[in-house]
Amino acid sequence: MLRTRAIGEKDRVLVLLTQEYGKLSASARGSRNPKSKLAPVSQPFTLANFLLARGRSLQIVSQAVIEDAHIYLAKDLVKTAWASYVCELCDALPEDLPDPELFELLMVTLHALNNTQSNSHAEVIGRWFEAKYLAHLGYAPVLGKCTVCGAKIAIAADDTESSIAFSPSLGGTLCRTCAAGDTRKLYAKVQALRALRHLENAPAPLEEIFERLELTQQAKADLRDVLLQSLNAHLSIKWKSRAFLDEILAG
């Protein structure tokens, strides 16, 4: 379940991400009535099996069985903010395009967020999703060489303090020469870019990624900015959940 919207006096439209058909919308009639059998499956972040019937303009939910309600997401503001954000990213994609990899990515992310006991781990999970999401869409940043001229960007393995120019619009790191010509570049600590590489390659969102690299607060902020500005450069999203997430994390 990505999101819902109310229609009429008792109904909801459910926006679902499915394994077989991608994103689709379906009408859950009467689901705003607390006594309705469809009320429980109409809650945000719910994983369920749906039986749908074809309607005139929307699919109609005939039956549904919950597999995982992710009950702890709604009980924690940090978890709620991250879950809303990753669902919004999935909701940004067109309907009726089968995407089992994205479905699996969202399922793993919501499960991990639901089960974590740590706000810092929730951040790792969220950043892992962002990195994987960009790579899944074909926008994985170029790291370790200049995305413009291809020159290698050499940084010593024990160097954790250097900052490297990064172009969200061009999709990767820049050498000093090419950086001079990009007025919208940003600079990111090498720690942040190394963490991004680890997140892209990690099969699961492991808290040890941040711990092993010993990310400073500045490096964490740089990683956040690199990912967010990369998403903004490649996607046309009018953020609804992002401001809420930033407010929660700032608090």
Foldseek 3Di string as FASTA:
>chain_A
DLAWDDDDDAKIKDWDADQFFGTFIEIEGRLNPPPDPCVLVRDPPWDWDFDWDDDDPGIYTPDIDTPDSLVQQVVDLLSVLLLNVLSLVSVLDDGRDRDNPSVVLNVQLSVVSSPDPDSLLNLLSSLLSLLQVCVVVVQRADEQAALPPGHGDDDDPPDFADKFKADLLSRYTHDPVVSVVDPPIDIATPLLVVLSVCSNPDPHRDSVSCVVSVDDPRNSVRNVVSSVSNCVNPGDDPDDSPVSNVVVVVD
